[in-house]
Structure formats: C-alpha cells, structure tokens
C-alpha cells in the first residue's frame, strides 16, 4: 500500500509557474507508475502526465502542449509536476495516483482502483 499527499497548489496569474509535489508514505513509489490528473469544477477528471517506476519513461496529455514536466526523485518518495506558462484553463484540483506494475502510458486511463491523493487546488487568474 501507498498513501499519497499532493502539495504545491495555489493562486497564480496567467503565465506563472507552479511545482506540485506528490509525496508517498507507508512505502515508496518503487515499482509504481505515478500519474497526475486534474478535475475542474463541473468537469470530468482528465489525465495530465505520468512517469514510470524507474523514472526513465514519461507520458503527457496533448492538452498541456509541452508546458508541464513530470519527474521523480532518486529516493522514489516524491513525484513532481512542474507547470509553466499557466492559463485559466489549467484551473483545477490536481491529483496524483499510483499503480503497481504499470507503465507510464497506461496511467492515461484513470482508475478508482489506483491509490489516490486528496488533491491540491490550482487556480489561475486572468
């Protein structure tokens, strides 16, 4: 089992940057693929980015257009989402999820069976 906690959200303006963190407790992310998704108010949750268990492979949704970068630390305790050039369309609650034994691309299909954090709010003003 793994417990996840997202941090780093906040209120920013168009063009600003944020770095979100997803920290594991209980056990590390070893052998887990980890993904970020987001859910705006009144909309379905959508996949954003994911990373393989060893950090060597990453996968991104087309919608972020190269603005975001996912990474993980060497100790496999934390996964980051660097978000640059934010726009109001990025406003959402951002969640991380972990899935044992999965590759990065598989995380683009969201599953309630994954381990999920509680989310962190990102709000981008015009």
C-alpha atoms as a PDB file:
ATOM      1  CA  UNK A   1       0.000   0.000   0.000  1.00  0.00           C
ATOM      2  CA  UNK A   2       0.972   3.605  -0.506  1.00  0.00           C
ATOM      3  CA  UNK A   3      -0.565   6.838   0.753  1.00  0.00           C
ATOM      4  CA  UNK A   4      -0.244   9.973  -1.345  1.00  0.00           C
ATOM      5  CA  UNK A   5      -0.275  13.653  -0.444  1.00  0.00           C
ATOM      6  CA  UNK A   6      -0.306  16.431  -3.037  1.00  0.00           C
ATOM      7  CA  UNK A   7       1.061  19.875  -2.221  1.00  0.00           C
ATOM      8  CA  UNK A   8       2.147  22.977  -4.082  1.00  0.00           C
ATOM      9  CA  UNK A   9      -1.098  24.344  -5.449  1.00  0.00           C
ATOM     10  CA  UNK A  10      -2.166  27.923  -5.062  1.00  0.00           C
ATOM     11  CA  UNK A  11      -3.484  31.057  -6.701  1.00  0.00           C
ATOM     12  CA  UNK A  12      -1.374  32.385  -9.548  1.00  0.00           C
ATOM     13  CA  UNK A  13      -1.754  34.612 -12.579  1.00  0.00           C
ATOM     14  CA  UNK A  14      -1.672  33.764 -16.240  1.00  0.00           C
ATOM     15  CA  UNK A  15       1.879  32.950 -17.310  1.00  0.00           C
ATOM     16  CA  UNK A  16       3.079  31.979 -13.835  1.00  0.00           C
ATOM     17  CA  UNK A  17       4.590  28.658 -12.815  1.00  0.00           C
ATOM     18  CA  UNK A  18       3.950  26.157 -10.051  1.00  0.00           C
ATOM     19  CA  UNK A  19       5.580  22.922  -8.998  1.00  0.00           C
ATOM     20  CA  UNK A  20       3.312  20.316  -7.485  1.00  0.00           C
ATOM     21  CA  UNK A  21       4.619  17.520  -5.293  1.00  0.00           C
ATOM     22  CA  UNK A  22       3.167  14.096  -4.631  1.00  0.00           C
ATOM     23  CA  UNK A  23       4.733  12.522  -1.562  1.00  0.00           C
ATOM     24  CA  UNK A  24       4.382   8.859  -0.708  1.00  0.00           C
ATOM     25  CA  UNK A  25       4.080   7.490   2.794  1.00  0.00           C
ATOM     26  CA  UNK A  26       3.692   3.977   4.068  1.00  0.00           C
ATOM     27  CA  UNK A  27       6.051   2.875   1.345  1.00  0.00           C
ATOM     28  CA  UNK A  28       7.926   4.459  -1.530  1.00  0.00           C
ATOM     29  CA  UNK A  29       6.957   4.636  -5.189  1.00  0.00           C
ATOM     30  CA  UNK A  30       9.263   1.749  -6.036  1.00  0.00           C
ATOM     31  CA  UNK A  31       7.691  -0.341  -8.823  1.00  0.00           C
ATOM     32  CA  UNK A  32       4.732   2.049  -9.081  1.00  0.00           C
ATOM     33  CA  UNK A  33       3.829   4.110 -12.091  1.00  0.00           C
ATOM     34  CA  UNK A  34       2.629   7.529 -10.942  1.00  0.00           C
ATOM     35  CA  UNK A  35       0.382   9.916 -12.788  1.00  0.00           C
ATOM     36  CA  UNK A  36      -1.085  13.360 -12.403  1.00  0.00           C
ATOM     37  CA  UNK A  37      -4.646  14.193 -13.380  1.00  0.00           C
ATOM     38  CA  UNK A  38      -6.857  17.210 -12.862  1.00  0.00           C
ATOM     39  CA  UNK A  39     -10.517  17.974 -12.401  1.00  0.00           C
ATOM     40  CA  UNK A  40     -12.082  21.354 -12.960  1.00  0.00           C
ATOM     41  CA  UNK A  41     -15.364  22.201 -11.290  1.00  0.00           C
ATOM     42  CA  UNK A  42     -18.236  20.583 -13.134  1.00  0.00           C
ATOM     43  CA  UNK A  43     -15.967  18.623 -15.468  1.00  0.00           C
ATOM     44  CA  UNK A  44     -14.627  15.106 -15.685  1.00  0.00           C
ATOM     45  CA  UNK A  45     -11.225  14.282 -14.313  1.00  0.00           C
ATOM     46  CA  UNK A  46      -8.608  14.187 -17.063  1.00  0.00           C
ATOM     47  CA  UNK A  47      -5.151  12.720 -17.330  1.00  0.00           C
ATOM     48  CA  UNK A  48      -2.213  15.128 -17.392  1.00  0.00           C
ATOM     49  CA  UNK A  49       1.113  13.286 -17.134  1.00  0.00           C
ATOM     50  CA  UNK A  50       2.686  10.100 -15.836  1.00  0.00           C
ATOM     51  CA  UNK A  51       6.063   8.564 -15.107  1.00  0.00           C
ATOM     52  CA  UNK A  52       7.368   5.012 -14.952  1.00  0.00           C
ATOM     53  CA  UNK A  53       8.516   3.259 -11.795  1.00  0.00           C
ATOM     54  CA  UNK A  54      12.173   3.955 -12.572  1.00  0.00           C
ATOM     55  CA  UNK A  55      11.627   7.475 -13.898  1.00  0.00           C
ATOM     56  CA  UNK A  56      13.030   6.643 -17.322  1.00  0.00           C
ATOM     57  CA  UNK A  57       9.753   6.995 -19.228  1.00  0.00           C
ATOM     58  CA  UNK A  58       7.245   9.818 -19.165  1.00  0.00           C
ATOM     59  CA  UNK A  59       3.941  10.367 -20.905  1.00  0.00           C
ATOM     60  CA  UNK A  60       1.913  13.539 -21.370  1.00  0.00           C
ATOM     61  CA  UNK A  61      -1.560  14.532 -22.436  1.00  0.00           C
ATOM     62  CA  UNK A  62      -1.710  16.505 -25.657  1.00  0.00           C
ATOM     63  CA  UNK A  63      -3.644  19.264 -23.926  1.00  0.00           C
ATOM     64  CA  UNK A  64      -0.702  20.554 -21.902  1.00  0.00           C
ATOM     65  CA  UNK A  65       1.251  21.383 -25.088  1.00  0.00           C
ATOM     66  CA  UNK A  66       4.725  20.865 -23.653  1.00  0.00           C
ATOM     67  CA  UNK A  67       4.229  23.246 -20.729  1.00  0.00           C
ATOM     68  CA  UNK A  68       4.386  20.631 -17.967  1.00  0.00           C
ATOM     69  CA  UNK A  69       7.168  18.296 -16.872  1.00  0.00           C
ATOM     70  CA  UNK A  70       6.818  15.282 -14.612  1.00  0.00           C
ATOM     71  CA  UNK A  71       9.749  13.887 -12.643  1.00  0.00           C
ATOM     72  CA  UNK A  72      10.538  11.816  -9.578  1.00  0.00           C
ATOM     73  CA  UNK A  73      13.320  11.921  -7.027  1.00  0.00           C
ATOM     74  CA  UNK A  74      16.062   9.336  -6.730  1.00  0.00           C
ATOM     75  CA  UNK A  75      14.730   8.042  -3.425  1.00  0.00           C
ATOM     76  CA  UNK A  76      11.364   7.351  -5.104  1.00  0.00           C
ATOM     77  CA  UNK A  77       9.470   9.187  -2.388  1.00  0.00           C
ATOM     78  CA  UNK A  78       8.225  12.158  -4.388  1.00  0.00           C
ATOM     79  CA  UNK A  79       6.847  12.816  -7.864  1.00  0.00           C
ATOM     80  CA  UNK A  80       6.758  16.368  -9.159  1.00  0.00           C
ATOM     81  CA  UNK A  81       4.740  18.206 -11.763  1.00  0.00           C
ATOM     82  CA  UNK A  82       6.400  21.381 -12.974  1.00  0.00           C
ATOM     83  CA  UNK A  83       3.785  23.596 -14.593  1.00  0.00           C
ATOM     84  CA  UNK A  84       4.885  26.581 -16.665  1.00  0.00           C
ATOM     85  CA  UNK A  85       3.015  29.277 -18.555  1.00  0.00           C
ATOM     86  CA  UNK A  86      -0.214  28.576 -16.743  1.00  0.00           C
ATOM     87  CA  UNK A  87      -3.527  29.760 -18.093  1.00  0.00           C
ATOM     88  CA  UNK A  88      -7.027  29.942 -16.579  1.00  0.00           C
ATOM     89  CA  UNK A  89      -7.869  26.727 -18.436  1.00  0.00           C
ATOM     90  CA  UNK A  90      -5.426  24.960 -16.103  1.00  0.00           C
ATOM     91  CA  UNK A  91      -7.539  25.816 -13.063  1.00  0.00           C
ATOM     92  CA  UNK A  92      -8.480  22.537 -11.386  1.00  0.00           C
ATOM     93  CA  UNK A  93      -7.837  20.265  -8.469  1.00  0.00           C
ATOM     94  CA  UNK A  94      -4.717  18.281  -9.311  1.00  0.00           C
ATOM     95  CA  UNK A  95      -4.450  14.698  -8.128  1.00  0.00           C
ATOM     96  CA  UNK A  96      -1.693  12.138  -8.168  1.00  0.00           C
ATOM     97  CA  UNK A  97      -2.286   8.419  -8.450  1.00  0.00           C
ATOM     98  CA  UNK A  98      -0.086   5.361  -8.165  1.00  0.00           C
ATOM     99  CA  UNK A  99      -0.486   1.974  -9.788  1.00  0.00           C
ATOM    100  CA  UNK A 100       1.761  -1.003  -9.074  1.00  0.00           C
ATOM    101  CA  UNK A 101       3.375  -2.727 -12.004  1.00  0.00           C
ATOM    102  CA  UNK A 102       2.095  -0.308 -14.649  1.00  0.00           C
ATOM    103  CA  UNK A 103       3.956   1.553 -17.362  1.00  0.00           C
ATOM    104  CA  UNK A 104       3.664   5.301 -17.764  1.00  0.00           C
ATOM    105  CA  UNK A 105       1.294   5.375 -20.728  1.00  0.00           C
ATOM    106  CA  UNK A 106      -1.170   3.032 -19.018  1.00  0.00           C
ATOM    107  CA  UNK A 107      -1.869   5.771 -16.492  1.00  0.00           C
ATOM    108  CA  UNK A 108      -3.778   7.811 -19.084  1.00  0.00           C
ATOM    109  CA  UNK A 109      -6.732   5.571 -18.276  1.00  0.00           C
ATOM    110  CA  UNK A 110      -7.842   6.706 -14.843  1.00  0.00           C
ATOM    111  CA  UNK A 111      -8.912   4.045 -12.384  1.00  0.00           C
ATOM    112  CA  UNK A 112     -10.592   4.131  -8.995  1.00  0.00           C
ATOM    113  CA  UNK A 113      -8.510   1.082  -8.135  1.00  0.00           C
ATOM    114  CA  UNK A 114      -5.346   3.188  -8.112  1.00  0.00           C
ATOM    115  CA  UNK A 115      -4.005   4.808  -4.978  1.00  0.00           C
ATOM    116  CA  UNK A 116      -5.150   8.446  -4.981  1.00  0.00           C
ATOM    117  CA  UNK A 117      -4.276  11.536  -3.016  1.00  0.00           C
ATOM    118  CA  UNK A 118      -6.761  14.172  -1.888  1.00  0.00           C
ATOM    119  CA  UNK A 119      -5.694  16.725  -4.482  1.00  0.00           C
ATOM    120  CA  UNK A 120      -4.302  20.237  -4.434  1.00  0.00           C
ATOM    121  CA  UNK A 121      -6.110  23.255  -5.836  1.00  0.00           C
ATOM    122  CA  UNK A 122      -4.537  25.241  -8.650  1.00  0.00           C
ATOM    123  CA  UNK A 123      -6.264  28.480  -9.574  1.00  0.00           C
ATOM    124  CA  UNK A 124      -5.014  30.650 -12.422  1.00  0.00           C
ATOM    125  CA  UNK A 125      -6.466  34.124 -12.767  1.00  0.00           C
ATOM    126  CA  UNK A 126      -6.591  36.187 -15.940  1.00  0.00           C
END
